[in-house]
Amino acid sequence: MAILTWLESSSLSTWVREGETIWAFPTILTLHTFGMGLLVGAGAVIDLRLLGIGRRLTVGALRPMFGVMWGGFWLNLVTGSMLFAADATRRGTDPLFMTKLVFVAIGVSVIGLIRRNVFDAQEETAAVPYEKTLAALSLVAWTAAVTMGRLLAYV
């Protein structure tokens, strides 16, 4: 708990939490939301294609989406860390926040599995037997992570 208290009382955390400028909390939260849109939106395009929607679009054509997803992930890592630091003593002990992080970890892991096992290991015409399972798991994980994140504002 001491490290959470120290983190929350740092000058950056105080600025994020109490700064009377649009560049503090409002902008950081907006960037966090934008990053989540990139990450989850690009992932959903891949997931839905793997589930059979949009068959005219080749799976290989979606490879650039991984760059978009990782860009969104890194943006969220930075902005999420800033938001966490601003309220570390509460978030660091909140089961809802920890649940969100578990779903984020599952989502990121599934992105890696899809990239390695569907995009890198197979030819475009060969279907991986469990690609639909991975796609469905990805959609569930990201939906749960976003839901948990939104609930943090109200619970």
N, C-alpha and C. Protein backbone atom coordinates (compact mmCIF):
# COMPACT_ATOMS: atom_id res chain seq x y z
N MET A 1 0.81 -1.20 0.00
CA MET A 1 0.00 0.00 0.00
C MET A 1 0.86 1.27 0.00
N ALA A 2 2.04 1.17 0.59
CA ALA A 2 2.92 2.34 0.66
C ALA A 2 3.33 2.80 -0.74
N ILE A 3 3.60 1.85 -1.63
CA ILE A 3 4.00 2.23 -2.99
C ILE A 3 2.83 2.87 -3.73
N LEU A 4 1.61 2.40 -3.48
CA LEU A 4 0.44 3.00 -4.11
C LEU A 4 0.22 4.43 -3.61
N THR A 5 0.42 4.63 -2.32
CA THR A 5 0.30 5.97 -1.74
C THR A 5 1.36 6.89 -2.32
N TRP A 6 2.60 6.40 -2.43
CA TRP A 6 3.68 7.19 -3.01
C TRP A 6 3.36 7.55 -4.46
N LEU A 7 2.90 6.56 -5.22
CA LEU A 7 2.58 6.79 -6.62
C LEU A 7 1.47 7.83 -6.77
N GLU A 8 0.44 7.70 -5.97
CA GLU A 8 -0.69 8.62 -6.05
C GLU A 8 -0.32 10.04 -5.62
N SER A 9 0.68 10.19 -4.76
CA SER A 9 1.07 11.52 -4.29
C SER A 9 2.18 12.15 -5.15
N SER A 10 2.60 11.48 -6.20
CA SER A 10 3.64 12.05 -7.07
C SER A 10 3.09 13.28 -7.79
N SER A 11 3.99 14.11 -8.26
CA SER A 11 3.55 15.35 -8.92
C SER A 11 2.79 15.07 -10.21
N LEU A 12 3.19 14.05 -10.96
CA LEU A 12 2.46 13.71 -12.19
C LEU A 12 1.04 13.25 -11.86
N SER A 13 0.90 12.40 -10.86
CA SER A 13 -0.43 11.92 -10.47
C SER A 13 -1.32 13.06 -9.98
N THR A 14 -0.75 13.94 -9.21
CA THR A 14 -1.50 15.09 -8.72
C THR A 14 -1.95 15.97 -9.89
N TRP A 15 -1.06 16.19 -10.85
CA TRP A 15 -1.41 16.98 -12.02
C TRP A 15 -2.54 16.32 -12.81
N VAL A 16 -2.45 15.00 -13.03
CA VAL A 16 -3.49 14.30 -13.78
C VAL A 16 -4.83 14.43 -13.05
N ARG A 17 -4.83 14.25 -11.76
CA ARG A 17 -6.05 14.24 -10.96
C ARG A 17 -6.62 15.63 -10.72
N GLU A 18 -5.75 16.61 -10.47
CA GLU A 18 -6.21 17.92 -10.02
C GLU A 18 -5.91 19.06 -10.98
N GLY A 19 -5.23 18.78 -12.05
CA GLY A 19 -4.85 19.83 -13.00
C GLY A 19 -6.07 20.55 -13.55
N GLU A 20 -6.01 21.86 -13.54
CA GLU A 20 -7.12 22.68 -14.01
C GLU A 20 -6.95 23.04 -15.47
N THR A 21 -6.49 22.10 -16.24
CA THR A 21 -6.28 22.30 -17.67
C THR A 21 -6.89 21.13 -18.42
N ILE A 22 -7.29 21.40 -19.62
CA ILE A 22 -7.87 20.34 -20.45
C ILE A 22 -6.83 19.26 -20.78
N TRP A 23 -5.55 19.60 -20.66
CA TRP A 23 -4.48 18.67 -21.01
C TRP A 23 -4.24 17.61 -19.94
N ALA A 24 -4.86 17.75 -18.79
CA ALA A 24 -4.69 16.77 -17.72
C ALA A 24 -5.70 15.62 -17.93
N PHE A 25 -6.50 15.36 -16.93
CA PHE A 25 -7.40 14.21 -16.95
C PHE A 25 -8.28 14.11 -18.20
N PRO A 26 -8.93 15.19 -18.66
CA PRO A 26 -9.82 15.04 -19.82
C PRO A 26 -9.10 14.54 -21.08
N THR A 27 -7.92 15.07 -21.36
CA THR A 27 -7.20 14.65 -22.55
C THR A 27 -6.65 13.24 -22.40
N ILE A 28 -6.15 12.91 -21.24
CA ILE A 28 -5.61 11.57 -21.01
C ILE A 28 -6.72 10.53 -21.14
N LEU A 29 -7.88 10.80 -20.57
CA LEU A 29 -9.00 9.88 -20.68
C LEU A 29 -9.49 9.75 -22.12
N THR A 30 -9.51 10.87 -22.84
CA THR A 30 -9.90 10.84 -24.25
C THR A 30 -8.93 10.01 -25.07
N LEU A 31 -7.63 10.19 -24.84
CA LEU A 31 -6.63 9.38 -25.55
C LEU A 31 -6.74 7.90 -25.18
N HIS A 32 -7.07 7.61 -23.93
CA HIS A 32 -7.26 6.23 -23.50
C HIS A 32 -8.45 5.61 -24.24
N THR A 33 -9.51 6.36 -24.38
CA THR A 33 -10.69 5.89 -25.10
C THR A 33 -10.37 5.69 -26.58
N PHE A 34 -9.64 6.62 -27.16
CA PHE A 34 -9.23 6.51 -28.57
C PHE A 34 -8.36 5.27 -28.78
N GLY A 35 -7.41 5.05 -27.88
CA GLY A 35 -6.55 3.87 -27.98
C GLY A 35 -7.35 2.59 -27.89
N MET A 36 -8.34 2.56 -27.00
CA MET A 36 -9.18 1.37 -26.88
C MET A 36 -9.97 1.15 -28.16
N GLY A 37 -10.42 2.24 -28.77
CA GLY A 37 -11.14 2.12 -30.04
C GLY A 37 -10.26 1.52 -31.12
N LEU A 38 -9.00 1.94 -31.18
CA LEU A 38 -8.07 1.37 -32.16
C LEU A 38 -7.83 -0.11 -31.88
N LEU A 39 -7.53 -0.41 -30.64
CA LEU A 39 -7.21 -1.78 -30.25
C LEU A 39 -8.40 -2.72 -30.46
N VAL A 40 -9.52 -2.38 -29.89
CA VAL A 40 -10.69 -3.25 -29.95
C VAL A 40 -11.33 -3.22 -31.34
N GLY A 41 -11.35 -2.07 -31.96
CA GLY A 41 -11.95 -1.97 -33.29
C GLY A 41 -11.21 -2.79 -34.33
N ALA A 42 -9.89 -2.63 -34.37
CA ALA A 42 -9.09 -3.41 -35.33
C ALA A 42 -9.17 -4.90 -35.00
N GLY A 43 -9.15 -5.21 -33.72
CA GLY A 43 -9.26 -6.62 -33.32
C GLY A 43 -10.60 -7.21 -33.72
N ALA A 44 -11.66 -6.43 -33.57
CA ALA A 44 -12.99 -6.91 -33.94
C ALA A 44 -13.09 -7.19 -35.43
N VAL A 45 -12.45 -6.36 -36.24
CA VAL A 45 -12.45 -6.60 -37.69
C VAL A 45 -11.82 -7.97 -37.98
N ILE A 46 -10.68 -8.23 -37.38
CA ILE A 46 -10.01 -9.53 -37.58
C ILE A 46 -10.88 -10.66 -37.04
N ASP A 47 -11.40 -10.49 -35.82
CA ASP A 47 -12.21 -11.54 -35.20
C ASP A 47 -13.44 -11.87 -36.04
N LEU A 48 -14.14 -10.84 -36.49
CA LEU A 48 -15.34 -11.08 -37.28
C LEU A 48 -15.01 -11.75 -38.61
N ARG A 49 -13.89 -11.38 -39.20
CA ARG A 49 -13.48 -12.05 -40.45
C ARG A 49 -13.17 -13.52 -40.19
N LEU A 50 -12.49 -13.81 -39.09
CA LEU A 50 -12.18 -15.21 -38.77
C LEU A 50 -13.45 -15.99 -38.44
N LEU A 51 -14.48 -15.31 -37.97
CA LEU A 51 -15.75 -15.97 -37.69
C LEU A 51 -16.61 -16.14 -38.94
N GLY A 52 -16.11 -15.65 -40.08
CA GLY A 52 -16.79 -15.88 -41.34
C GLY A 52 -17.51 -14.70 -41.94
N ILE A 53 -17.45 -13.56 -41.29
CA ILE A 53 -18.11 -12.37 -41.83
C ILE A 53 -17.15 -11.67 -42.79
N GLY A 54 -17.65 -11.29 -43.96
CA GLY A 54 -16.82 -10.60 -44.95
C GLY A 54 -15.84 -11.51 -45.65
N ARG A 55 -16.30 -12.65 -46.09
CA ARG A 55 -15.43 -13.65 -46.72
C ARG A 55 -14.75 -13.15 -48.00
N ARG A 56 -15.30 -12.13 -48.64
CA ARG A 56 -14.64 -11.61 -49.85
C ARG A 56 -13.32 -10.94 -49.52
N LEU A 57 -13.15 -10.51 -48.29
CA LEU A 57 -11.90 -9.91 -47.83
C LEU A 57 -10.97 -11.03 -47.37
N THR A 58 -9.80 -11.10 -47.95
CA THR A 58 -8.87 -12.16 -47.56
C THR A 58 -8.33 -11.89 -46.16
N VAL A 59 -8.04 -12.96 -45.46
CA VAL A 59 -7.49 -12.84 -44.12
C VAL A 59 -6.14 -12.12 -44.18
N GLY A 60 -5.34 -12.44 -45.17
CA GLY A 60 -4.02 -11.81 -45.31
C GLY A 60 -4.09 -10.30 -45.47
N ALA A 61 -5.17 -9.80 -46.03
CA ALA A 61 -5.33 -8.35 -46.22
C ALA A 61 -5.48 -7.63 -44.88
N LEU A 62 -5.78 -8.38 -43.83
CA LEU A 62 -5.98 -7.77 -42.51
C LEU A 62 -4.70 -7.70 -41.69
N ARG A 63 -3.61 -8.18 -42.20
CA ARG A 63 -2.34 -8.17 -41.46
C ARG A 63 -1.96 -6.77 -40.94
N PRO A 64 -2.17 -5.68 -41.70
CA PRO A 64 -1.83 -4.34 -41.17
C PRO A 64 -2.63 -3.95 -39.93
N MET A 65 -3.73 -4.62 -39.68
CA MET A 65 -4.53 -4.31 -38.49
C MET A 65 -3.76 -4.58 -37.20
N PHE A 66 -2.80 -5.50 -37.25
CA PHE A 66 -2.02 -5.78 -36.05
C PHE A 66 -1.21 -4.56 -35.62
N GLY A 67 -0.70 -3.80 -36.58
CA GLY A 67 0.01 -2.57 -36.25
C GLY A 67 -0.91 -1.55 -35.59
N VAL A 68 -2.14 -1.46 -36.09
CA VAL A 68 -3.13 -0.55 -35.50
C VAL A 68 -3.44 -1.00 -34.07
N MET A 69 -3.63 -2.31 -33.90
CA MET A 69 -3.95 -2.83 -32.56
C MET A 69 -2.81 -2.56 -31.59
N TRP A 70 -1.57 -2.80 -32.00
CA TRP A 70 -0.45 -2.57 -31.09
C TRP A 70 -0.26 -1.09 -30.80
N GLY A 71 -0.54 -0.24 -31.79
CA GLY A 71 -0.49 1.21 -31.54
C GLY A 71 -1.51 1.60 -30.47
N GLY A 72 -2.73 1.07 -30.59
CA GLY A 72 -3.76 1.32 -29.58
C GLY A 72 -3.38 0.76 -28.23
N PHE A 73 -2.77 -0.42 -28.23
CA PHE A 73 -2.34 -1.02 -26.97
C PHE A 73 -1.31 -0.15 -26.25
N TRP A 74 -0.29 0.32 -26.97
CA TRP A 74 0.76 1.12 -26.34
C TRP A 74 0.22 2.47 -25.88
N LEU A 75 -0.69 3.05 -26.66
CA LEU A 75 -1.32 4.30 -26.23
C LEU A 75 -2.10 4.07 -24.93
N ASN A 76 -2.80 2.95 -24.85
CA ASN A 76 -3.56 2.64 -23.64
C ASN A 76 -2.67 2.28 -22.47
N LEU A 77 -1.54 1.67 -22.73
CA LEU A 77 -0.62 1.35 -21.64
C LEU A 77 -0.12 2.65 -20.99
N VAL A 78 0.25 3.61 -21.80
CA VAL A 78 0.75 4.89 -21.26
C VAL A 78 -0.37 5.66 -20.56
N THR A 79 -1.49 5.85 -21.25
CA THR A 79 -2.56 6.65 -20.66
C THR A 79 -3.21 5.91 -19.48
N GLY A 80 -3.35 4.61 -19.58
CA GLY A 80 -3.91 3.84 -18.48
C GLY A 80 -3.03 3.89 -17.25
N SER A 81 -1.72 3.86 -17.44
CA SER A 81 -0.80 3.97 -16.31
C SER A 81 -0.94 5.33 -15.63
N MET A 82 -1.12 6.37 -16.43
CA MET A 82 -1.30 7.71 -15.86
C MET A 82 -2.62 7.80 -15.08
N LEU A 83 -3.67 7.23 -15.64
CA LEU A 83 -4.96 7.24 -14.95
C LEU A 83 -4.90 6.41 -13.68
N PHE A 84 -4.21 5.27 -13.73
CA PHE A 84 -4.06 4.44 -12.54
C PHE A 84 -3.30 5.19 -11.46
N ALA A 85 -2.20 5.83 -11.84
CA ALA A 85 -1.37 6.54 -10.86
C ALA A 85 -2.16 7.64 -10.16
N ALA A 86 -3.07 8.28 -10.87
CA ALA A 86 -3.85 9.37 -10.29
C ALA A 86 -4.80 8.88 -9.19
N ASP A 87 -5.11 7.59 -9.19
CA ASP A 87 -6.05 7.03 -8.21
C ASP A 87 -5.55 5.66 -7.74
N ALA A 88 -4.25 5.58 -7.51
CA ALA A 88 -3.59 4.29 -7.25
C ALA A 88 -4.08 3.59 -6.00
N THR A 89 -4.33 4.32 -4.92
CA THR A 89 -4.72 3.65 -3.68
C THR A 89 -6.10 2.99 -3.80
N ARG A 90 -6.96 3.57 -4.60
CA ARG A 90 -8.29 2.97 -4.79
C ARG A 90 -8.25 1.88 -5.86
N ARG A 91 -7.63 2.17 -7.00
CA ARG A 91 -7.60 1.21 -8.11
C ARG A 91 -6.72 0.00 -7.80
N GLY A 92 -5.66 0.21 -7.08
CA GLY A 92 -4.74 -0.88 -6.77
C GLY A 92 -5.31 -1.95 -5.88
N THR A 93 -6.43 -1.66 -5.24
CA THR A 93 -7.08 -2.63 -4.37
C THR A 93 -8.50 -2.97 -4.84
N ASP A 94 -8.89 -2.50 -5.99
CA ASP A 94 -10.25 -2.68 -6.52
C ASP A 94 -10.36 -3.98 -7.31
N PRO A 95 -11.19 -4.93 -6.87
CA PRO A 95 -11.35 -6.19 -7.60
C PRO A 95 -11.86 -5.99 -9.03
N LEU A 96 -12.68 -4.99 -9.25
CA LEU A 96 -13.18 -4.71 -10.59
C LEU A 96 -12.03 -4.30 -11.52
N PHE A 97 -11.12 -3.47 -11.01
CA PHE A 97 -9.96 -3.07 -11.80
C PHE A 97 -9.06 -4.26 -12.10
N MET A 98 -8.86 -5.10 -11.10
CA MET A 98 -8.03 -6.29 -11.31
C MET A 98 -8.67 -7.23 -12.33
N THR A 99 -9.99 -7.33 -12.30
CA THR A 99 -10.71 -8.15 -13.28
C THR A 99 -10.51 -7.58 -14.68
N LYS A 100 -10.57 -6.26 -14.80
CA LYS A 100 -10.33 -5.61 -16.09
C LYS A 100 -8.94 -5.97 -16.60
N LEU A 101 -7.94 -5.90 -15.73
CA LEU A 101 -6.57 -6.22 -16.15
C LEU A 101 -6.44 -7.68 -16.58
N VAL A 102 -7.16 -8.57 -15.93
CA VAL A 102 -7.14 -9.99 -16.34
C VAL A 102 -7.69 -10.13 -17.75
N PHE A 103 -8.82 -9.46 -18.02
CA PHE A 103 -9.39 -9.54 -19.37
C PHE A 103 -8.49 -8.88 -20.41
N VAL A 104 -7.81 -7.80 -20.05
CA VAL A 104 -6.85 -7.18 -20.97
C VAL A 104 -5.71 -8.17 -21.26
N ALA A 105 -5.21 -8.84 -20.23
CA ALA A 105 -4.14 -9.82 -20.42
C ALA A 105 -4.60 -10.97 -21.32
N ILE A 106 -5.82 -11.43 -21.12
CA ILE A 106 -6.35 -12.48 -21.99
C ILE A 106 -6.47 -11.97 -23.42
N GLY A 107 -7.00 -10.76 -23.59
CA GLY A 107 -7.14 -10.19 -24.93
C GLY A 107 -5.81 -10.04 -25.65
N VAL A 108 -4.80 -9.54 -24.95
CA VAL A 108 -3.48 -9.38 -25.56
C VAL A 108 -2.88 -10.74 -25.91
N SER A 109 -3.05 -11.70 -25.03
CA SER A 109 -2.55 -13.06 -25.29
C SER A 109 -3.21 -13.66 -26.52
N VAL A 110 -4.50 -13.47 -26.65
CA VAL A 110 -5.22 -14.01 -27.80
C VAL A 110 -4.79 -13.31 -29.09
N ILE A 111 -4.53 -12.00 -29.02
CA ILE A 111 -3.99 -11.30 -30.20
C ILE A 111 -2.71 -11.99 -30.66
N GLY A 112 -1.83 -12.27 -29.71
CA GLY A 112 -0.58 -12.95 -30.05
C GLY A 112 -0.81 -14.33 -30.63
N LEU A 113 -1.74 -15.07 -30.08
CA LEU A 113 -2.05 -16.41 -30.60
C LEU A 113 -2.62 -16.34 -32.00
N ILE A 114 -3.51 -15.39 -32.23
CA ILE A 114 -4.08 -15.23 -33.57
C ILE A 114 -2.99 -14.87 -34.56
N ARG A 115 -2.13 -13.95 -34.19
CA ARG A 115 -1.04 -13.54 -35.09
C ARG A 115 -0.14 -14.72 -35.42
N ARG A 116 0.28 -15.45 -34.38
CA ARG A 116 1.22 -16.55 -34.58
C ARG A 116 0.57 -17.77 -35.24
N ASN A 117 -0.60 -18.14 -34.78
CA ASN A 117 -1.20 -19.40 -35.23
C ASN A 117 -2.10 -19.28 -36.45
N VAL A 118 -2.60 -18.10 -36.72
CA VAL A 118 -3.48 -17.94 -37.87
C VAL A 118 -2.77 -17.20 -39.00
N PHE A 119 -2.14 -16.09 -38.68
CA PHE A 119 -1.53 -15.27 -39.74
C PHE A 119 -0.13 -15.73 -40.11
N ASP A 120 0.70 -16.06 -39.16
CA ASP A 120 2.09 -16.39 -39.46
C ASP A 120 2.30 -17.86 -39.83
N ALA A 121 1.50 -18.76 -39.27
CA ALA A 121 1.77 -20.18 -39.44
C ALA A 121 1.00 -20.83 -40.58
N GLN A 122 0.03 -20.16 -41.13
CA GLN A 122 -0.82 -20.78 -42.14
C GLN A 122 -0.81 -20.00 -43.44
N GLU A 123 -1.04 -20.72 -44.52
CA GLU A 123 -1.28 -20.05 -45.78
C GLU A 123 -2.70 -19.49 -45.73
N GLU A 124 -2.95 -18.50 -46.56
CA GLU A 124 -4.22 -17.82 -46.52
C GLU A 124 -5.41 -18.75 -46.77
N THR A 125 -5.22 -19.78 -47.55
CA THR A 125 -6.33 -20.66 -47.89
C THR A 125 -6.53 -21.76 -46.87
N ALA A 126 -5.57 -21.99 -46.01
CA ALA A 126 -5.68 -23.05 -45.01
C ALA A 126 -6.31 -22.51 -43.74
N ALA A 127 -7.34 -23.18 -43.28
CA ALA A 127 -8.02 -22.75 -42.06
C ALA A 127 -7.40 -23.45 -40.86
N VAL A 128 -7.22 -22.71 -39.80
CA VAL A 128 -6.75 -23.27 -38.54
C VAL A 128 -8.00 -23.78 -37.82
N PRO A 129 -7.98 -25.03 -37.31
CA PRO A 129 -9.19 -25.60 -36.72
C PRO A 129 -9.79 -24.77 -35.57
N TYR A 130 -8.96 -24.05 -34.84
CA TYR A 130 -9.45 -23.33 -33.67
C TYR A 130 -9.46 -21.81 -33.88
N GLU A 131 -9.38 -21.35 -35.11
CA GLU A 131 -9.35 -19.90 -35.35
C GLU A 131 -10.66 -19.24 -34.92
N LYS A 132 -11.78 -19.91 -35.09
CA LYS A 132 -13.06 -19.34 -34.66
C LYS A 132 -13.14 -19.26 -33.14
N THR A 133 -12.56 -20.24 -32.46
CA THR A 133 -12.54 -20.21 -31.00
C THR A 133 -11.70 -19.03 -30.51
N LEU A 134 -10.53 -18.83 -31.14
CA LEU A 134 -9.68 -17.70 -30.76
C LEU A 134 -10.40 -16.37 -31.02
N ALA A 135 -11.07 -16.28 -32.17
CA ALA A 135 -11.77 -15.04 -32.51
C ALA A 135 -12.89 -14.76 -31.51
N ALA A 136 -13.65 -15.78 -31.15
CA ALA A 136 -14.74 -15.60 -30.19
C ALA A 136 -14.18 -15.23 -28.81
N LEU A 137 -13.10 -15.90 -28.41
CA LEU A 137 -12.47 -15.58 -27.12
C LEU A 137 -11.96 -14.14 -27.09
N SER A 138 -11.40 -13.70 -28.20
CA SER A 138 -10.93 -12.32 -28.30
C SER A 138 -12.08 -11.33 -28.14
N LEU A 139 -13.17 -11.57 -28.84
CA LEU A 139 -14.33 -10.68 -28.72
C LEU A 139 -14.88 -10.65 -27.29
N VAL A 140 -14.94 -11.80 -26.66
CA VAL A 140 -15.44 -11.86 -25.28
C VAL A 140 -14.49 -11.13 -24.33
N ALA A 141 -13.19 -11.36 -24.48
CA ALA A 141 -12.21 -10.74 -23.59
C ALA A 141 -12.23 -9.22 -23.71
N TRP A 142 -12.26 -8.70 -24.93
CA TRP A 142 -12.24 -7.25 -25.10
C TRP A 142 -13.56 -6.62 -24.70
N THR A 143 -14.67 -7.31 -24.95
CA THR A 143 -15.96 -6.79 -24.50
C THR A 143 -15.99 -6.71 -22.97
N ALA A 144 -15.48 -7.74 -22.33
CA ALA A 144 -15.44 -7.75 -20.86
C ALA A 144 -14.50 -6.67 -20.33
N ALA A 145 -13.33 -6.50 -20.95
CA ALA A 145 -12.38 -5.49 -20.49
C ALA A 145 -12.98 -4.08 -20.62
N VAL A 146 -13.61 -3.80 -21.75
CA VAL A 146 -14.23 -2.48 -21.94
C VAL A 146 -15.37 -2.29 -20.94
N THR A 147 -16.17 -3.32 -20.73
CA THR A 147 -17.27 -3.22 -19.78
C THR A 147 -16.76 -2.96 -18.36
N MET A 148 -15.73 -3.69 -17.96
CA MET A 148 -15.15 -3.48 -16.63
C MET A 148 -14.60 -2.05 -16.51
N GLY A 149 -13.96 -1.58 -17.56
CA GLY A 149 -13.42 -0.22 -17.55
C GLY A 149 -14.50 0.83 -17.39
N ARG A 150 -15.61 0.64 -18.08
CA ARG A 150 -16.70 1.59 -17.95
C ARG A 150 -17.35 1.52 -16.59
N LEU A 151 -17.47 0.31 -16.04
CA LEU A 151 -18.06 0.16 -14.71
C LEU A 151 -17.23 0.84 -13.63
N LEU A 152 -15.92 0.95 -13.85
CA LEU A 152 -15.05 1.60 -12.86
C LEU A 152 -15.49 3.03 -12.58
N ALA A 153 -16.08 3.67 -13.54
CA ALA A 153 -16.52 5.06 -13.36
C ALA A 153 -17.78 5.15 -12.49
N TYR A 154 -18.49 4.03 -12.34
CA TYR A 154 -19.79 4.09 -11.67
C TYR A 154 -19.89 3.23 -10.42
N VAL A 155 -19.00 2.28 -10.27
CA VAL A 155 -19.09 1.34 -9.13
C VAL A 155 -18.06 1.69 -8.09
